[in-house]
Amino acid sequence: MNIGYARTSTVEQVAGFEAQIRDLKAHGCEKVFSEQLSSVDSKRAQLEAAIDFCRDGDVLTCTKLDRLARSVADLVKIEERLNAKGAGLHVMDPAMDTGTPAGRLVFNVIASIAQFEREIMLTRQREGIAKARNDGKYKGRKPTARSQADRIRSLHAGKMKAPEIAIQLEISERSVYRVLASLGQTQC
């Protein structure tokens, strides 16, 4: 079975969303899973449903790589999950089908090039940060948990436990414990 997956980052991208669904159906997708949300900030429930739906011999099709994966590592994980189920991956642009030897070659070459580009970008980023630090212009990311230390202390004083504080303030539990320790308070 040919299964489609369509995604746009925002609900405002109506034309692109509709075009993806149209192209997937024209390509012969019998079932199309679709969602409109950022791949970075959210769990992609419809992608998970599409992968879960795939069976041996099925092919998951998407119009473009960036509609499917957040990164090369994410793409490789998706492909590995499909492969473990006996399913393939087909990307329409650039044309790539992991169900064929040539398609697997293209997949691996594109993934390798993308990984190389990512590593080069990270190297440049680190160099830029080092230069900014030397120039006294780089301050780093503002700590989110420490900026909420007063709120953490108040909630802790109100007998709220660290896991509950973490959920309420949308920070990690470890950050809550770290702030409490820096305040000299016993951990709960």
Protein backbone atom coordinates (compact mmCIF):
# COMPACT_ATOMS: atom_id res chain seq x y z
CA MET A 1 0.00 0.00 0.00
CA ASN A 2 1.21 3.49 -0.81
CA ILE A 3 0.76 5.70 2.28
CA GLY A 4 1.20 9.47 2.12
CA TYR A 5 2.38 11.98 4.70
CA ALA A 6 1.87 15.74 4.34
CA ARG A 7 2.91 18.48 6.76
CA THR A 8 3.18 22.24 6.89
CA SER A 9 4.62 24.22 9.77
CA THR A 10 1.64 26.53 10.18
CA VAL A 11 -2.07 26.52 9.44
CA GLU A 12 -1.54 29.63 7.27
CA GLN A 13 0.27 27.52 4.65
CA VAL A 14 -3.00 26.32 3.16
CA ALA A 15 -1.93 26.29 -0.51
CA GLY A 16 1.22 24.28 0.19
CA PHE A 17 -0.68 21.86 2.40
CA GLU A 18 -3.39 21.28 -0.18
CA ALA A 19 -0.76 20.89 -2.92
CA GLN A 20 1.03 18.19 -0.94
CA ILE A 21 -2.18 16.23 -0.40
CA ARG A 22 -3.12 16.63 -4.07
CA ASP A 23 0.33 15.46 -5.23
CA LEU A 24 0.33 12.48 -2.87
CA LYS A 25 -3.10 11.34 -4.09
CA ALA A 26 -2.03 11.84 -7.71
CA HIS A 27 1.02 9.70 -6.95
CA GLY A 28 -1.30 6.88 -5.90
CA CYS A 29 -1.36 7.19 -2.12
CA GLU A 30 -4.39 5.28 -0.90
CA LYS A 31 -4.27 6.78 2.59
CA VAL A 32 -2.82 10.19 3.47
CA PHE A 33 -1.85 11.27 6.98
CA SER A 34 -1.53 15.03 7.34
CA GLU A 35 -0.84 17.66 9.99
CA GLN A 36 -0.16 21.35 10.26
CA LEU A 37 2.42 21.98 12.96
CA SER A 38 6.08 22.76 13.39
CA SER A 39 8.21 19.63 13.34
CA VAL A 40 10.61 21.17 15.85
CA ASP A 41 8.28 22.12 18.68
CA SER A 42 5.76 19.32 18.61
CA LYS A 43 5.22 15.63 18.59
CA ARG A 44 4.14 14.72 15.08
CA ALA A 45 1.19 12.48 15.92
CA GLN A 46 0.15 11.93 12.31
CA LEU A 47 3.69 10.93 11.28
CA GLU A 48 3.71 8.44 14.14
CA ALA A 49 0.30 7.16 13.03
CA ALA A 50 1.54 6.81 9.42
CA ILE A 51 4.61 4.83 10.51
CA ASP A 52 2.49 2.65 12.82
CA PHE A 53 0.05 2.05 9.95
CA CYS A 54 2.81 0.80 7.62
CA ARG A 55 3.07 -2.95 7.11
CA ASP A 56 5.46 -5.23 5.25
CA GLY A 57 5.57 -4.15 1.61
CA ASP A 58 4.02 -0.71 2.20
CA VAL A 59 5.71 2.52 1.13
CA LEU A 60 5.54 5.81 3.04
CA THR A 61 5.58 8.68 0.55
CA CYS A 62 6.17 12.38 1.15
CA THR A 63 6.60 15.22 -1.31
CA LYS A 64 9.88 16.60 0.09
CA LEU A 65 12.41 15.61 2.75
CA ASP A 66 11.86 18.74 4.83
CA ARG A 67 8.17 17.83 5.20
CA LEU A 68 9.18 14.51 6.77
CA ALA A 69 12.30 14.94 8.90
CA ARG A 70 13.74 17.52 11.29
CA SER A 71 17.33 16.50 10.61
CA VAL A 72 19.44 13.83 8.97
CA ALA A 73 19.46 11.87 12.22
CA ASP A 74 15.65 12.10 12.34
CA LEU A 75 15.41 11.01 8.69
CA VAL A 76 17.67 8.02 9.30
CA LYS A 77 15.60 6.99 12.36
CA ILE A 78 12.37 7.21 10.37
CA GLU A 79 13.87 5.14 7.56
CA GLU A 80 15.22 2.55 10.03
CA ARG A 81 11.79 2.22 11.66
CA LEU A 82 10.15 1.72 8.29
CA ASN A 83 12.83 -0.73 7.20
CA ALA A 84 12.34 -2.77 10.39
CA LYS A 85 8.66 -3.12 9.47
CA GLY A 86 9.54 -4.17 5.92
CA ALA A 87 8.22 -0.88 4.56
CA GLY A 88 9.98 1.54 2.23
CA LEU A 89 10.32 5.28 2.00
CA HIS A 90 9.63 7.28 -1.14
CA VAL A 91 10.38 10.98 -1.46
CA MET A 92 8.99 12.67 -4.55
CA ASP A 93 11.44 15.62 -4.67
CA PRO A 94 14.28 14.77 -4.93
CA ALA A 95 13.16 11.43 -6.34
CA MET A 96 14.23 8.77 -3.86
CA ASP A 97 12.86 5.30 -3.14
CA THR A 98 14.58 3.20 -0.46
CA GLY A 99 12.91 0.10 -1.88
CA THR A 100 15.47 -0.07 -4.70
CA PRO A 101 19.27 -0.37 -4.56
CA ALA A 102 19.67 2.91 -6.46
CA GLY A 103 17.17 4.59 -4.13
CA ARG A 104 19.08 3.42 -1.06
CA LEU A 105 22.28 4.80 -2.63
CA VAL A 106 20.62 8.17 -3.26
CA PHE A 107 19.19 8.17 0.28
CA ASN A 108 22.62 7.47 1.82
CA VAL A 109 24.40 10.04 -0.37
CA ILE A 110 21.85 12.77 0.42
CA ALA A 111 21.90 11.90 4.12
CA SER A 112 25.71 12.00 4.13
CA ILE A 113 25.86 15.34 2.31
CA ALA A 114 23.26 16.82 4.65
CA GLN A 115 25.21 15.54 7.67
CA PHE A 116 28.42 17.06 6.25
CA GLU A 117 26.70 20.41 5.71
CA ARG A 118 25.33 20.32 9.26
CA GLU A 119 28.78 19.63 10.73
CA ILE A 120 30.35 22.44 8.68
CA MET A 121 27.61 24.82 9.88
CA LEU A 122 28.16 23.80 13.51
CA THR A 123 31.92 24.32 13.14
CA ARG A 124 31.33 27.82 11.76
CA GLN A 125 28.86 28.51 14.54
CA ARG A 126 31.36 27.46 17.22
CA GLU A 127 34.04 29.64 15.60
CA GLY A 128 31.63 32.59 15.57
CA ILE A 129 30.74 32.07 19.21
CA ALA A 130 34.42 31.83 20.19
CA LYS A 131 35.15 35.10 18.36
CA ALA A 132 32.15 36.81 19.97
CA ARG A 133 33.30 35.61 23.41
CA ASN A 134 36.80 36.96 22.77
CA ASP A 135 35.26 40.29 21.72
CA GLY A 136 33.06 40.31 24.84
CA LYS A 137 29.87 40.25 22.77
CA TYR A 138 28.60 36.75 23.52
CA LYS A 139 26.66 36.28 26.71
CA GLY A 140 25.15 32.87 25.96
CA ARG A 141 21.59 31.74 26.40
CA LYS A 142 19.72 33.28 29.30
CA PRO A 143 19.14 30.56 31.94
CA THR A 144 15.43 29.85 32.13
CA ALA A 145 15.27 27.98 35.45
CA ARG A 146 17.42 30.42 37.42
CA SER A 147 15.27 33.31 36.24
CA GLN A 148 12.35 31.53 37.92
CA ALA A 149 14.20 30.85 41.21
CA ASP A 150 11.77 32.97 43.24
CA ARG A 151 8.78 31.13 41.79
CA ILE A 152 10.46 27.75 42.40
CA ARG A 153 11.19 28.71 46.01
CA SER A 154 7.61 29.89 46.52
CA LEU A 155 6.08 26.71 45.07
CA HIS A 156 8.49 24.55 47.08
CA ALA A 157 7.60 26.47 50.26
CA GLY A 158 3.97 25.70 49.45
CA LYS A 159 4.86 21.98 49.70
CA MET A 160 4.79 21.38 45.95
CA LYS A 161 7.16 18.60 44.89
CA ALA A 162 9.92 19.12 42.33
CA PRO A 163 8.25 17.08 39.55
CA GLU A 164 5.06 19.13 39.93
CA ILE A 165 7.05 22.40 39.92
CA ALA A 166 8.84 21.31 36.75
CA ILE A 167 5.56 20.59 34.99
CA GLN A 168 3.94 23.83 36.10
CA LEU A 169 6.91 26.00 35.09
CA GLU A 170 7.70 23.95 31.96
CA ILE A 171 11.31 23.34 32.93
CA SER A 172 13.20 20.14 33.63
CA GLU A 173 12.94 18.42 36.98
CA ARG A 174 16.74 18.47 37.20
CA SER A 175 16.68 22.27 36.84
CA VAL A 176 14.27 22.52 39.75
CA TYR A 177 16.57 20.41 41.93
CA ARG A 178 19.58 22.50 40.84
CA VAL A 179 17.84 25.77 41.76
CA LEU A 180 16.68 24.39 45.11
CA ALA A 181 20.22 23.21 45.88
CA SER A 182 21.66 26.63 44.99
CA LEU A 183 19.14 28.19 47.37
CA GLY A 184 20.25 25.83 50.12
CA GLN A 185 16.81 24.29 50.39
CA THR A 186 16.17 20.64 50.97
CA GLN A 187 14.96 18.77 47.95
CA CYS A 188 11.53 17.24 47.81
